[in-house]
Amino acid sequence: MSPEDAETGDLGARAEVAARERAEEVFGDRTDLVRRYADHLAGSGVDRGLIGPREGPRLWSRHLMNCAGMAPLVPRGASVADVGSGAGLPGLVLAIARPDLTVTLVEPLLRRTTWLDEVVADLGLDVMVVRSRAQDTDVRAEVVTARAVAALDRLVRLCLPLVRPGGQVLALKGSGADAELARAEPWLRRHGLRGEVVRAGLGDETASVVRVRVPPT
């Protein structure tokens, strides 16, 4: 291992420790639940191919706390549909961080919905898991979330039918969020929509979220 690789590894390990330490600030008395969820991800989630084997050492810094950054953007008591939920990111993180929300996980693959059902049952969460493609479901919610599902213009097309009037799409994106929004803006304007990039800050785990609001009528 080169000195540069070793330094990168040390930085990653320190970021992971810092993210774990911040979890209690975000999840409060539900910190144990998110830790148990992390154990599922690092164990059966890896074994059954829901997340990559290299993600285990950076679950907190890259995934859990990153998704938790979305929580303050969701209105209190809102219904949430997490499209293409996969391993439950960000849907299960939001359900743990915000017990006031009504969360539905929408995922088309059976092996993933089977795993999600098992995790939801083990954690005792009041979360519904629906096996369906976004374009085929009759789920409707005030907030539709997505992470790593599709390019923004295609993602909004998939999510809009699920959003109740006056609701919003929250798409968790990486460092390219601004550029992706710029590419999608012509399509959004044609459909009377406008997006914005919101930085949801959680220390080193700052999330870049593209928010698209849907008119009330």
N, C-alpha and C. Protein backbone atom coordinates (compact mmCIF):
# COMPACT_ATOMS: atom_id res chain seq x y z
N MET A 1 0.85 -1.20 0.00
CA MET A 1 0.00 0.00 0.00
C MET A 1 0.88 1.24 0.00
N SER A 2 0.57 2.18 -0.89
CA SER A 2 1.35 3.41 -0.97
C SER A 2 1.03 4.32 0.21
N PRO A 3 1.94 5.26 0.53
CA PRO A 3 1.63 6.22 1.60
C PRO A 3 0.35 7.00 1.32
N GLU A 4 0.10 7.31 0.03
CA GLU A 4 -1.11 8.05 -0.32
C GLU A 4 -2.36 7.22 -0.02
N ASP A 5 -2.30 5.92 -0.36
CA ASP A 5 -3.44 5.04 -0.09
C ASP A 5 -3.66 4.89 1.41
N ALA A 6 -2.55 4.78 2.15
CA ALA A 6 -2.67 4.65 3.60
C ALA A 6 -3.30 5.90 4.22
N GLU A 7 -2.88 7.08 3.70
CA GLU A 7 -3.44 8.32 4.23
C GLU A 7 -4.92 8.42 3.91
N THR A 8 -5.29 8.02 2.68
CA THR A 8 -6.71 8.03 2.31
C THR A 8 -7.51 7.11 3.20
N GLY A 9 -6.94 5.93 3.49
CA GLY A 9 -7.62 5.00 4.37
C GLY A 9 -7.80 5.54 5.76
N ASP A 10 -6.77 6.21 6.28
CA ASP A 10 -6.86 6.80 7.61
C ASP A 10 -7.93 7.88 7.66
N LEU A 11 -7.98 8.71 6.61
CA LEU A 11 -8.99 9.77 6.56
C LEU A 11 -10.40 9.17 6.52
N GLY A 12 -10.53 8.10 5.72
CA GLY A 12 -11.84 7.45 5.63
C GLY A 12 -12.26 6.84 6.96
N ALA A 13 -11.31 6.22 7.66
CA ALA A 13 -11.63 5.63 8.95
C ALA A 13 -12.02 6.70 9.96
N ARG A 14 -11.31 7.83 9.94
CA ARG A 14 -11.65 8.91 10.88
C ARG A 14 -13.02 9.50 10.56
N ALA A 15 -13.33 9.62 9.27
CA ALA A 15 -14.65 10.14 8.88
C ALA A 15 -15.76 9.20 9.33
N GLU A 16 -15.50 7.90 9.26
CA GLU A 16 -16.49 6.92 9.67
C GLU A 16 -16.73 7.00 11.18
N VAL A 17 -15.67 7.13 11.94
CA VAL A 17 -15.79 7.25 13.40
C VAL A 17 -16.57 8.52 13.75
N ALA A 18 -16.23 9.62 13.07
CA ALA A 18 -16.92 10.89 13.35
C ALA A 18 -18.40 10.79 13.01
N ALA A 19 -18.71 10.13 11.90
CA ALA A 19 -20.12 9.98 11.51
C ALA A 19 -20.89 9.14 12.53
N ARG A 20 -20.28 8.08 13.01
CA ARG A 20 -20.92 7.25 14.04
C ARG A 20 -21.20 8.08 15.30
N GLU A 21 -20.23 8.91 15.67
CA GLU A 21 -20.39 9.71 16.88
C GLU A 21 -21.50 10.74 16.74
N ARG A 22 -21.70 11.24 15.52
CA ARG A 22 -22.76 12.23 15.30
C ARG A 22 -24.15 11.63 15.25
N ALA A 23 -24.22 10.30 15.11
CA ALA A 23 -25.52 9.65 14.91
C ALA A 23 -26.47 9.95 16.05
N GLU A 24 -25.97 9.96 17.28
CA GLU A 24 -26.86 10.18 18.42
C GLU A 24 -27.49 11.57 18.39
N GLU A 25 -26.76 12.56 17.84
CA GLU A 25 -27.32 13.91 17.72
C GLU A 25 -28.52 13.92 16.77
N VAL A 26 -28.45 13.07 15.76
CA VAL A 26 -29.50 13.07 14.72
C VAL A 26 -30.66 12.15 15.10
N PHE A 27 -30.34 10.96 15.63
CA PHE A 27 -31.36 9.94 15.85
C PHE A 27 -31.87 9.88 17.29
N GLY A 28 -31.17 10.53 18.21
CA GLY A 28 -31.64 10.59 19.59
C GLY A 28 -31.88 9.22 20.19
N ASP A 29 -33.09 9.04 20.76
CA ASP A 29 -33.39 7.78 21.43
C ASP A 29 -33.65 6.64 20.45
N ARG A 30 -33.53 6.92 19.16
CA ARG A 30 -33.67 5.87 18.15
C ARG A 30 -32.31 5.49 17.53
N THR A 31 -31.25 5.92 18.19
CA THR A 31 -29.91 5.60 17.70
C THR A 31 -29.68 4.10 17.64
N ASP A 32 -30.20 3.38 18.63
CA ASP A 32 -30.03 1.92 18.62
C ASP A 32 -30.66 1.30 17.38
N LEU A 33 -31.79 1.86 16.93
CA LEU A 33 -32.44 1.32 15.73
C LEU A 33 -31.56 1.51 14.49
N VAL A 34 -30.97 2.69 14.36
CA VAL A 34 -30.15 2.91 13.16
C VAL A 34 -28.87 2.08 13.23
N ARG A 35 -28.38 1.82 14.42
CA ARG A 35 -27.21 0.94 14.55
C ARG A 35 -27.56 -0.49 14.15
N ARG A 36 -28.74 -0.94 14.54
CA ARG A 36 -29.17 -2.28 14.13
C ARG A 36 -29.39 -2.35 12.63
N TYR A 37 -29.92 -1.28 12.06
CA TYR A 37 -30.07 -1.22 10.60
C TYR A 37 -28.70 -1.28 9.93
N ALA A 38 -27.73 -0.56 10.47
CA ALA A 38 -26.37 -0.60 9.92
C ALA A 38 -25.81 -2.02 9.97
N ASP A 39 -26.10 -2.74 11.05
CA ASP A 39 -25.64 -4.13 11.14
C ASP A 39 -26.27 -4.98 10.04
N HIS A 40 -27.56 -4.77 9.77
CA HIS A 40 -28.21 -5.49 8.67
C HIS A 40 -27.52 -5.18 7.34
N LEU A 41 -27.25 -3.90 7.11
CA LEU A 41 -26.60 -3.52 5.85
C LEU A 41 -25.24 -4.17 5.70
N ALA A 42 -24.45 -4.11 6.76
CA ALA A 42 -23.08 -4.63 6.71
C ALA A 42 -23.05 -6.16 6.68
N GLY A 43 -24.11 -6.79 7.14
CA GLY A 43 -24.16 -8.25 7.17
C GLY A 43 -24.93 -8.82 6.00
N SER A 44 -26.22 -9.06 6.21
CA SER A 44 -27.03 -9.68 5.16
C SER A 44 -27.17 -8.77 3.94
N GLY A 45 -27.08 -7.45 4.14
CA GLY A 45 -27.18 -6.54 3.00
C GLY A 45 -26.05 -6.76 2.01
N VAL A 46 -24.86 -6.99 2.52
CA VAL A 46 -23.71 -7.30 1.66
C VAL A 46 -23.82 -8.72 1.13
N ASP A 47 -24.13 -9.68 2.01
CA ASP A 47 -24.20 -11.09 1.61
C ASP A 47 -25.21 -11.31 0.49
N ARG A 48 -26.30 -10.55 0.51
CA ARG A 48 -27.37 -10.77 -0.47
C ARG A 48 -27.36 -9.74 -1.59
N GLY A 49 -26.27 -8.99 -1.68
CA GLY A 49 -26.04 -8.12 -2.83
C GLY A 49 -26.83 -6.84 -2.86
N LEU A 50 -27.33 -6.36 -1.71
CA LEU A 50 -28.06 -5.10 -1.70
C LEU A 50 -27.12 -3.90 -1.67
N ILE A 51 -25.96 -4.08 -1.09
CA ILE A 51 -24.91 -3.06 -1.17
C ILE A 51 -23.60 -3.76 -1.49
N GLY A 52 -22.66 -3.01 -2.04
CA GLY A 52 -21.39 -3.59 -2.44
C GLY A 52 -20.52 -3.95 -1.25
N PRO A 53 -19.65 -4.94 -1.39
CA PRO A 53 -18.80 -5.37 -0.28
C PRO A 53 -17.83 -4.30 0.21
N ARG A 54 -17.54 -3.32 -0.62
CA ARG A 54 -16.63 -2.26 -0.20
C ARG A 54 -17.33 -1.15 0.60
N GLU A 55 -18.65 -1.22 0.69
CA GLU A 55 -19.38 -0.15 1.36
C GLU A 55 -19.43 -0.31 2.89
N GLY A 56 -19.15 -1.51 3.37
CA GLY A 56 -19.20 -1.73 4.81
C GLY A 56 -18.37 -0.75 5.63
N PRO A 57 -17.11 -0.48 5.25
CA PRO A 57 -16.28 0.42 6.06
C PRO A 57 -16.70 1.89 5.98
N ARG A 58 -17.65 2.23 5.12
CA ARG A 58 -18.06 3.63 5.01
C ARG A 58 -19.58 3.79 5.06
N LEU A 59 -20.23 2.88 5.74
CA LEU A 59 -21.69 2.92 5.81
C LEU A 59 -22.20 4.21 6.44
N TRP A 60 -21.58 4.62 7.53
CA TRP A 60 -22.07 5.79 8.25
C TRP A 60 -21.77 7.08 7.52
N SER A 61 -20.56 7.24 7.06
CA SER A 61 -20.17 8.51 6.44
C SER A 61 -20.73 8.68 5.04
N ARG A 62 -20.82 7.60 4.28
CA ARG A 62 -21.24 7.71 2.88
C ARG A 62 -22.74 7.48 2.68
N HIS A 63 -23.34 6.71 3.57
CA HIS A 63 -24.72 6.32 3.35
C HIS A 63 -25.68 6.81 4.43
N LEU A 64 -25.52 6.34 5.64
CA LEU A 64 -26.53 6.60 6.67
C LEU A 64 -26.65 8.08 7.02
N MET A 65 -25.53 8.73 7.33
CA MET A 65 -25.60 10.13 7.71
C MET A 65 -25.88 11.03 6.51
N ASN A 66 -25.44 10.59 5.34
CA ASN A 66 -25.75 11.33 4.12
C ASN A 66 -27.26 11.36 3.89
N CYS A 67 -27.90 10.19 4.05
CA CYS A 67 -29.36 10.13 3.90
C CYS A 67 -30.07 10.90 5.00
N ALA A 68 -29.51 10.85 6.22
CA ALA A 68 -30.14 11.57 7.33
C ALA A 68 -30.20 13.06 7.09
N GLY A 69 -29.31 13.57 6.24
CA GLY A 69 -29.34 14.99 5.91
C GLY A 69 -30.62 15.43 5.24
N MET A 70 -31.38 14.48 4.68
CA MET A 70 -32.65 14.82 4.04
C MET A 70 -33.76 15.07 5.04
N ALA A 71 -33.63 14.53 6.25
CA ALA A 71 -34.74 14.54 7.21
C ALA A 71 -35.30 15.93 7.49
N PRO A 72 -34.46 16.96 7.67
CA PRO A 72 -35.03 18.28 7.96
C PRO A 72 -35.81 18.90 6.80
N LEU A 73 -35.67 18.33 5.60
CA LEU A 73 -36.35 18.88 4.43
C LEU A 73 -37.78 18.36 4.29
N VAL A 74 -38.13 17.35 5.06
CA VAL A 74 -39.45 16.73 4.94
C VAL A 74 -40.40 17.37 5.96
N PRO A 75 -41.55 17.88 5.51
CA PRO A 75 -42.50 18.50 6.45
C PRO A 75 -42.97 17.52 7.52
N ARG A 76 -43.28 18.05 8.68
CA ARG A 76 -43.72 17.22 9.80
C ARG A 76 -45.01 16.48 9.44
N GLY A 77 -45.04 15.21 9.78
CA GLY A 77 -46.22 14.39 9.58
C GLY A 77 -46.49 14.00 8.14
N ALA A 78 -45.54 14.23 7.24
CA ALA A 78 -45.77 13.97 5.82
C ALA A 78 -45.77 12.48 5.50
N SER A 79 -46.46 12.15 4.42
CA SER A 79 -46.34 10.81 3.84
C SER A 79 -45.17 10.83 2.86
N VAL A 80 -44.37 9.77 2.87
CA VAL A 80 -43.16 9.69 2.06
C VAL A 80 -43.16 8.39 1.28
N ALA A 81 -42.90 8.48 -0.02
CA ALA A 81 -42.69 7.30 -0.86
C ALA A 81 -41.25 7.31 -1.33
N ASP A 82 -40.51 6.28 -1.00
CA ASP A 82 -39.11 6.17 -1.40
C ASP A 82 -39.03 5.27 -2.62
N VAL A 83 -38.73 5.87 -3.78
CA VAL A 83 -38.77 5.17 -5.06
C VAL A 83 -37.43 4.49 -5.34
N GLY A 84 -37.48 3.25 -5.81
CA GLY A 84 -36.26 2.50 -6.05
C GLY A 84 -35.47 2.33 -4.77
N SER A 85 -36.15 1.92 -3.72
CA SER A 85 -35.60 1.99 -2.37
C SER A 85 -34.37 1.12 -2.17
N GLY A 86 -34.26 0.02 -2.90
CA GLY A 86 -33.06 -0.81 -2.81
C GLY A 86 -32.84 -1.35 -1.42
N ALA A 87 -31.79 -0.86 -0.75
CA ALA A 87 -31.47 -1.29 0.61
C ALA A 87 -32.13 -0.40 1.66
N GLY A 88 -33.11 0.40 1.23
CA GLY A 88 -33.82 1.27 2.18
C GLY A 88 -33.19 2.62 2.38
N LEU A 89 -32.37 3.03 1.43
CA LEU A 89 -31.69 4.32 1.49
C LEU A 89 -32.30 5.27 0.46
N PRO A 90 -32.90 6.36 0.87
CA PRO A 90 -32.95 6.92 2.21
C PRO A 90 -34.19 6.58 3.03
N GLY A 91 -35.12 5.79 2.49
CA GLY A 91 -36.42 5.62 3.12
C GLY A 91 -36.37 5.13 4.56
N LEU A 92 -35.59 4.08 4.82
CA LEU A 92 -35.53 3.55 6.19
C LEU A 92 -34.81 4.51 7.13
N VAL A 93 -33.82 5.22 6.63
CA VAL A 93 -33.15 6.22 7.47
C VAL A 93 -34.14 7.29 7.90
N LEU A 94 -34.96 7.75 6.97
CA LEU A 94 -35.97 8.76 7.30
C LEU A 94 -36.99 8.21 8.29
N ALA A 95 -37.40 6.96 8.10
CA ALA A 95 -38.38 6.36 9.01
C ALA A 95 -37.83 6.25 10.43
N ILE A 96 -36.53 5.99 10.55
CA ILE A 96 -35.92 5.88 11.87
C ILE A 96 -35.73 7.27 12.48
N ALA A 97 -35.22 8.20 11.68
CA ALA A 97 -34.94 9.55 12.20
C ALA A 97 -36.21 10.33 12.49
N ARG A 98 -37.30 10.04 11.73
CA ARG A 98 -38.52 10.84 11.83
C ARG A 98 -39.73 9.91 12.02
N PRO A 99 -39.99 9.46 13.23
CA PRO A 99 -41.14 8.57 13.44
C PRO A 99 -42.48 9.23 13.16
N ASP A 100 -42.50 10.56 12.97
CA ASP A 100 -43.75 11.23 12.63
C ASP A 100 -44.16 11.01 11.18
N LEU A 101 -43.25 10.48 10.36
CA LEU A 101 -43.53 10.30 8.94
C LEU A 101 -44.21 8.96 8.67
N THR A 102 -44.99 8.93 7.60
CA THR A 102 -45.57 7.68 7.10
C THR A 102 -44.79 7.29 5.86
N VAL A 103 -44.00 6.24 5.95
CA VAL A 103 -43.03 5.91 4.91
C VAL A 103 -43.43 4.63 4.17
N THR A 104 -43.38 4.71 2.84
CA THR A 104 -43.59 3.54 1.99
C THR A 104 -42.36 3.35 1.12
N LEU A 105 -41.82 2.14 1.08
CA LEU A 105 -40.67 1.82 0.25
C LEU A 105 -41.17 1.15 -1.02
N VAL A 106 -40.84 1.74 -2.17
CA VAL A 106 -41.28 1.20 -3.46
C VAL A 106 -40.06 0.63 -4.18
N GLU A 107 -40.06 -0.67 -4.41
CA GLU A 107 -38.90 -1.35 -4.98
C GLU A 107 -39.37 -2.51 -5.87
N PRO A 108 -38.88 -2.60 -7.11
CA PRO A 108 -39.41 -3.62 -8.02
C PRO A 108 -38.82 -5.03 -7.85
N LEU A 109 -37.64 -5.18 -7.27
CA LEU A 109 -36.97 -6.48 -7.25
C LEU A 109 -37.37 -7.29 -6.01
N LEU A 110 -37.76 -8.53 -6.22
CA LEU A 110 -38.24 -9.39 -5.15
C LEU A 110 -37.19 -9.61 -4.07
N ARG A 111 -35.94 -9.88 -4.46
CA ARG A 111 -34.93 -10.17 -3.44
C ARG A 111 -34.70 -8.96 -2.53
N ARG A 112 -34.90 -7.76 -3.08
CA ARG A 112 -34.75 -6.56 -2.26
C ARG A 112 -35.95 -6.34 -1.35
N THR A 113 -37.16 -6.53 -1.89
CA THR A 113 -38.34 -6.33 -1.03
C THR A 113 -38.41 -7.39 0.07
N THR A 114 -37.94 -8.60 -0.24
CA THR A 114 -37.89 -9.64 0.79
C THR A 114 -36.97 -9.21 1.93
N TRP A 115 -35.80 -8.70 1.57
CA TRP A 115 -34.85 -8.23 2.58
C TRP A 115 -35.42 -7.04 3.35
N LEU A 116 -36.03 -6.11 2.65
CA LEU A 116 -36.61 -4.94 3.31
C LEU A 116 -37.70 -5.36 4.29
N ASP A 117 -38.55 -6.29 3.91
CA ASP A 117 -39.59 -6.79 4.81
C ASP A 117 -38.98 -7.38 6.08
N GLU A 118 -37.89 -8.13 5.92
CA GLU A 118 -37.23 -8.74 7.06
C GLU A 118 -36.66 -7.68 8.00
N VAL A 119 -36.02 -6.67 7.43
CA VAL A 119 -35.40 -5.62 8.25
C VAL A 119 -36.47 -4.79 8.95
N VAL A 120 -37.52 -4.42 8.23
CA VAL A 120 -38.61 -3.64 8.82
C VAL A 120 -39.22 -4.40 10.00
N ALA A 121 -39.44 -5.71 9.81
CA ALA A 121 -40.02 -6.52 10.88
C ALA A 121 -39.08 -6.60 12.08
N ASP A 122 -37.79 -6.80 11.82
CA ASP A 122 -36.83 -6.92 12.92
C ASP A 122 -36.71 -5.62 13.72
N LEU A 123 -36.76 -4.49 13.02
CA LEU A 123 -36.64 -3.20 13.69
C LEU A 123 -37.96 -2.72 14.29
N GLY A 124 -39.05 -3.38 13.94
CA GLY A 124 -40.35 -3.00 14.49
C GLY A 124 -40.84 -1.66 13.96
N LEU A 125 -40.49 -1.35 12.71
CA LEU A 125 -40.88 -0.07 12.12
C LEU A 125 -42.26 -0.17 11.46
N ASP A 126 -43.02 0.91 11.54
CA ASP A 126 -44.32 0.98 10.88
C ASP A 126 -44.10 1.52 9.47
N VAL A 127 -43.53 0.68 8.62
CA VAL A 127 -43.16 1.05 7.25
C VAL A 127 -43.75 0.03 6.30
N MET A 128 -44.33 0.49 5.20
CA MET A 128 -44.89 -0.41 4.20
C MET A 128 -43.87 -0.63 3.08
N VAL A 129 -43.73 -1.87 2.66
CA VAL A 129 -42.86 -2.22 1.54
C VAL A 129 -43.75 -2.67 0.38
N VAL A 130 -43.59 -2.01 -0.76
CA VAL A 130 -44.41 -2.30 -1.94
C VAL A 130 -43.49 -2.76 -3.07
N ARG A 131 -43.75 -3.95 -3.57
CA ARG A 131 -42.97 -4.42 -4.72
C ARG A 131 -43.63 -3.92 -6.00
N SER A 132 -43.00 -2.94 -6.64
CA SER A 132 -43.55 -2.35 -7.86
C SER A 132 -42.54 -1.42 -8.49
N ARG A 133 -42.66 -1.26 -9.78
CA ARG A 133 -41.95 -0.16 -10.44
C ARG A 133 -42.69 1.13 -10.14
N ALA A 134 -41.97 2.23 -10.14
CA ALA A 134 -42.60 3.52 -9.83
C ALA A 134 -43.76 3.81 -10.77
N GLN A 135 -43.57 3.49 -12.05
CA GLN A 135 -44.60 3.81 -13.04
C GLN A 135 -45.82 2.91 -12.96
N ASP A 136 -45.76 1.86 -12.15
CA ASP A 136 -46.89 0.93 -12.06
C ASP A 136 -47.63 0.99 -10.72
N THR A 137 -47.10 1.72 -9.76
CA THR A 137 -47.70 1.71 -8.43
C THR A 137 -48.82 2.74 -8.30
N ASP A 138 -49.74 2.46 -7.38
CA ASP A 138 -50.79 3.44 -7.08
C ASP A 138 -50.48 4.18 -5.78
N VAL A 139 -49.26 4.04 -5.27
CA VAL A 139 -48.84 4.77 -4.08
C VAL A 139 -48.80 6.26 -4.37
N ARG A 140 -49.34 7.07 -3.46
CA ARG A 140 -49.29 8.52 -3.59
C ARG A 140 -48.79 9.09 -2.27
N ALA A 141 -47.97 10.13 -2.33
CA ALA A 141 -47.39 10.69 -1.11
C ALA A 141 -47.13 12.18 -1.29
N GLU A 142 -46.98 12.85 -0.15
CA GLU A 142 -46.67 14.28 -0.18
C GLU A 142 -45.22 14.54 -0.55
N VAL A 143 -44.35 13.60 -0.21
CA VAL A 143 -42.93 13.71 -0.54
C VAL A 143 -42.48 12.40 -1.17
N VAL A 144 -41.83 12.50 -2.33
CA VAL A 144 -41.25 11.32 -2.99
C VAL A 144 -39.74 11.47 -2.99
N THR A 145 -39.05 10.48 -2.43
CA THR A 145 -37.60 10.53 -2.33
C THR A 145 -36.97 9.50 -3.25
N ALA A 146 -35.72 9.75 -3.60
CA ALA A 146 -34.97 8.80 -4.42
C ALA A 146 -33.49 9.07 -4.25
N ARG A 147 -32.71 8.01 -4.39
CA ARG A 147 -31.26 8.11 -4.30
C ARG A 147 -30.66 7.14 -5.31
N ALA A 148 -29.82 7.67 -6.18
CA ALA A 148 -29.09 6.84 -7.14
C ALA A 148 -30.02 5.97 -7.99
N VAL A 149 -31.12 6.57 -8.46
CA VAL A 149 -32.08 5.82 -9.26
C VAL A 149 -31.92 6.12 -10.74
N ALA A 150 -31.86 7.39 -11.12
CA ALA A 150 -31.79 7.76 -12.54
C ALA A 150 -31.36 9.22 -12.65
N ALA A 151 -31.02 9.62 -13.87
CA ALA A 151 -30.74 11.03 -14.14
C ALA A 151 -31.96 11.86 -13.77
N LEU A 152 -31.74 13.12 -13.41
CA LEU A 152 -32.80 13.91 -12.79
C LEU A 152 -34.04 14.05 -13.64
N ASP A 153 -33.89 14.34 -14.94
CA ASP A 153 -35.10 14.53 -15.75
C ASP A 153 -35.92 13.25 -15.83
N ARG A 154 -35.26 12.12 -16.00
CA ARG A 154 -35.98 10.83 -16.02
C ARG A 154 -36.55 10.52 -14.65
N LEU A 155 -35.79 10.80 -13.60
CA LEU A 155 -36.26 10.54 -12.24
C LEU A 155 -37.53 11.32 -11.93
N VAL A 156 -37.56 12.60 -12.29
CA VAL A 156 -38.74 13.41 -12.01
C VAL A 156 -39.94 12.88 -12.79
N ARG A 157 -39.72 12.46 -14.03
CA ARG A 157 -40.82 11.87 -14.81
C ARG A 157 -41.40 10.65 -14.10
N LEU A 158 -40.51 9.82 -13.52
CA LEU A 158 -40.96 8.63 -12.81
C LEU A 158 -41.72 8.98 -11.53
N CYS A 159 -41.23 10.01 -10.84
CA CYS A 159 -41.76 10.33 -9.51
C CYS A 159 -43.02 11.17 -9.52
N LEU A 160 -43.18 12.03 -10.52
CA LEU A 160 -44.29 12.98 -10.51
C LEU A 160 -45.65 12.33 -10.32
N PRO A 161 -45.95 11.21 -10.98
CA PRO A 161 -47.28 10.62 -10.78
C PRO A 161 -47.55 10.17 -9.35
N LEU A 162 -46.48 10.01 -8.54
CA LEU A 162 -46.65 9.57 -7.17
C LEU A 162 -46.85 10.74 -6.20
N VAL A 163 -46.57 11.97 -6.67
CA VAL A 163 -46.59 13.13 -5.78
C VAL A 163 -47.99 13.72 -5.71
N ARG A 164 -48.48 13.89 -4.51
CA ARG A 164 -49.77 14.56 -4.35
C ARG A 164 -49.63 16.04 -4.68
N PRO A 165 -50.72 16.69 -5.12
CA PRO A 165 -50.66 18.13 -5.42
C PRO A 165 -50.09 18.92 -4.23
N GLY A 166 -49.17 19.83 -4.55
CA GLY A 166 -48.54 20.62 -3.51
C GLY A 166 -47.36 19.94 -2.84
N GLY A 167 -47.05 18.74 -3.29
CA GLY A 167 -45.94 17.98 -2.71
C GLY A 167 -44.62 18.28 -3.38
N GLN A 168 -43.65 17.39 -3.17
CA GLN A 168 -42.32 17.63 -3.70
C GLN A 168 -41.55 16.33 -3.92
N VAL A 169 -40.62 16.41 -4.85
CA VAL A 169 -39.66 15.34 -5.08
C VAL A 169 -38.35 15.77 -4.44
N LEU A 170 -37.74 14.89 -3.66
CA LEU A 170 -36.43 15.13 -3.07
C LEU A 170 -35.48 14.06 -3.59
N ALA A 171 -34.54 14.47 -4.43
CA ALA A 171 -33.60 13.55 -5.04
C ALA A 171 -32.22 13.76 -4.44
N LEU A 172 -31.71 12.76 -3.75
CA LEU A 172 -30.38 12.86 -3.15
C LEU A 172 -29.34 12.63 -4.22
N LYS A 173 -28.51 13.63 -4.44
CA LYS A 173 -27.50 13.57 -5.49
C LYS A 173 -26.13 13.84 -4.90
N GLY A 174 -25.10 13.63 -5.69
CA GLY A 174 -23.74 13.85 -5.24
C GLY A 174 -23.24 15.23 -5.59
N SER A 175 -21.93 15.32 -5.80
CA SER A 175 -21.31 16.62 -6.06
C SER A 175 -21.75 17.23 -7.38
N GLY A 176 -22.31 16.41 -8.27
CA GLY A 176 -22.76 16.91 -9.56
C GLY A 176 -24.20 17.38 -9.58
N ALA A 177 -24.78 17.64 -8.42
CA ALA A 177 -26.20 18.00 -8.35
C ALA A 177 -26.52 19.25 -9.15
N ASP A 178 -25.67 20.28 -9.04
CA ASP A 178 -25.95 21.53 -9.76
C ASP A 178 -25.94 21.32 -11.27
N ALA A 179 -24.95 20.57 -11.76
CA ALA A 179 -24.86 20.32 -13.19
C ALA A 179 -26.03 19.48 -13.68
N GLU A 180 -26.43 18.52 -12.87
CA GLU A 180 -27.56 17.67 -13.26
C GLU A 180 -28.85 18.47 -13.31
N LEU A 181 -29.02 19.36 -12.35
CA LEU A 181 -30.21 20.21 -12.36
C LEU A 181 -30.19 21.12 -13.58
N ALA A 182 -29.04 21.66 -13.92
CA ALA A 182 -28.94 22.54 -15.09
C ALA A 182 -29.36 21.80 -16.36
N ARG A 183 -28.95 20.54 -16.49
CA ARG A 183 -29.33 19.76 -17.67
C ARG A 183 -30.83 19.46 -17.70
N ALA A 184 -31.42 19.33 -16.52
CA ALA A 184 -32.85 18.99 -16.45
C ALA A 184 -33.76 20.20 -16.54
N GLU A 185 -33.22 21.39 -16.35
CA GLU A 185 -34.08 22.58 -16.26
C GLU A 185 -34.95 22.82 -17.49
N PRO A 186 -34.47 22.63 -18.73
CA PRO A 186 -35.37 22.83 -19.87
C PRO A 186 -36.62 21.94 -19.79
N TRP A 187 -36.42 20.68 -19.41
CA TRP A 187 -37.57 19.77 -19.27
C TRP A 187 -38.48 20.24 -18.15
N LEU A 188 -37.90 20.63 -17.02
CA LEU A 188 -38.71 21.09 -15.89
C LEU A 188 -39.54 22.31 -16.27
N ARG A 189 -38.91 23.27 -16.97
CA ARG A 189 -39.64 24.48 -17.37
C ARG A 189 -40.80 24.15 -18.29
N ARG A 190 -40.58 23.23 -19.21
CA ARG A 190 -41.66 22.86 -20.14
C ARG A 190 -42.86 22.29 -19.40
N HIS A 191 -42.63 21.73 -18.24
CA HIS A 191 -43.71 21.12 -17.48
C HIS A 191 -44.12 21.98 -16.28
N GLY A 192 -43.73 23.24 -16.30
CA GLY A 192 -44.15 24.17 -15.25
C GLY A 192 -43.54 23.89 -13.90
N LEU A 193 -42.35 23.31 -13.88
CA LEU A 193 -41.70 22.95 -12.63
C LEU A 193 -40.39 23.71 -12.48
N ARG A 194 -39.96 23.85 -11.25
CA ARG A 194 -38.67 24.49 -10.98
C ARG A 194 -37.96 23.73 -9.87
N GLY A 195 -36.69 23.49 -10.08
CA GLY A 195 -35.92 22.77 -9.08
C GLY A 195 -34.89 23.66 -8.42
N GLU A 196 -34.41 23.21 -7.28
CA GLU A 196 -33.34 23.90 -6.57
C GLU A 196 -32.48 22.86 -5.87
N VAL A 197 -31.21 23.20 -5.69
CA VAL A 197 -30.30 22.33 -4.96
C VAL A 197 -30.22 22.84 -3.53
N VAL A 198 -30.49 21.96 -2.59
CA VAL A 198 -30.46 22.31 -1.16
C VAL A 198 -29.32 21.53 -0.52
N ARG A 199 -28.47 22.23 0.20
CA ARG A 199 -27.39 21.57 0.94
C ARG A 199 -27.90 21.28 2.34
N ALA A 200 -28.02 20.03 2.65
CA ALA A 200 -28.48 19.62 3.97
C ALA A 200 -27.25 19.23 4.78
N GLY A 201 -26.84 20.07 5.69
CA GLY A 201 -25.56 19.91 6.34
C GLY A 201 -25.57 19.01 7.55
N LEU A 202 -24.69 18.01 7.53
CA LEU A 202 -24.42 17.17 8.69
C LEU A 202 -22.91 16.99 8.78
N GLY A 203 -22.21 18.08 8.99
CA GLY A 203 -20.75 18.00 9.07
C GLY A 203 -20.16 17.55 7.76
N ASP A 204 -19.29 16.55 7.80
CA ASP A 204 -18.65 16.05 6.59
C ASP A 204 -19.62 15.31 5.69
N GLU A 205 -20.80 15.00 6.20
CA GLU A 205 -21.76 14.21 5.43
C GLU A 205 -22.81 15.10 4.78
N THR A 206 -22.42 16.28 4.35
CA THR A 206 -23.36 17.20 3.72
C THR A 206 -24.02 16.56 2.50
N ALA A 207 -25.33 16.64 2.45
CA ALA A 207 -26.09 16.06 1.35
C ALA A 207 -26.49 17.14 0.36
N SER A 208 -26.36 16.83 -0.92
CA SER A 208 -26.86 17.71 -1.98
C SER A 208 -28.18 17.12 -2.47
N VAL A 209 -29.25 17.83 -2.20
CA VAL A 209 -30.59 17.33 -2.53
C VAL A 209 -31.23 18.26 -3.55
N VAL A 210 -31.69 17.69 -4.66
CA VAL A 210 -32.45 18.46 -5.63
C VAL A 210 -33.92 18.38 -5.23
N ARG A 211 -34.53 19.54 -4.99
CA ARG A 211 -35.94 19.60 -4.60
C ARG A 211 -36.75 20.17 -5.75
N VAL A 212 -37.78 19.45 -6.15
CA VAL A 212 -38.70 19.89 -7.20
C VAL A 212 -40.08 19.95 -6.58
N ARG A 213 -40.64 21.15 -6.51
CA ARG A 213 -41.96 21.32 -5.92
C ARG A 213 -43.03 21.15 -6.98
N VAL A 214 -44.13 20.53 -6.59
CA VAL A 214 -45.26 20.29 -7.48
C VAL A 214 -46.35 21.29 -7.13
N PRO A 215 -46.92 21.97 -8.12
CA PRO A 215 -47.99 22.96 -7.84
C PRO A 215 -49.16 22.30 -7.11
N PRO A 216 -49.89 23.08 -6.32
CA PRO A 216 -51.00 22.51 -5.55
C PRO A 216 -52.17 22.06 -6.41
N THR A 217 -52.27 22.57 -7.62
CA THR A 217 -53.36 22.10 -8.49
C THR A 217 -52.81 21.85 -9.88
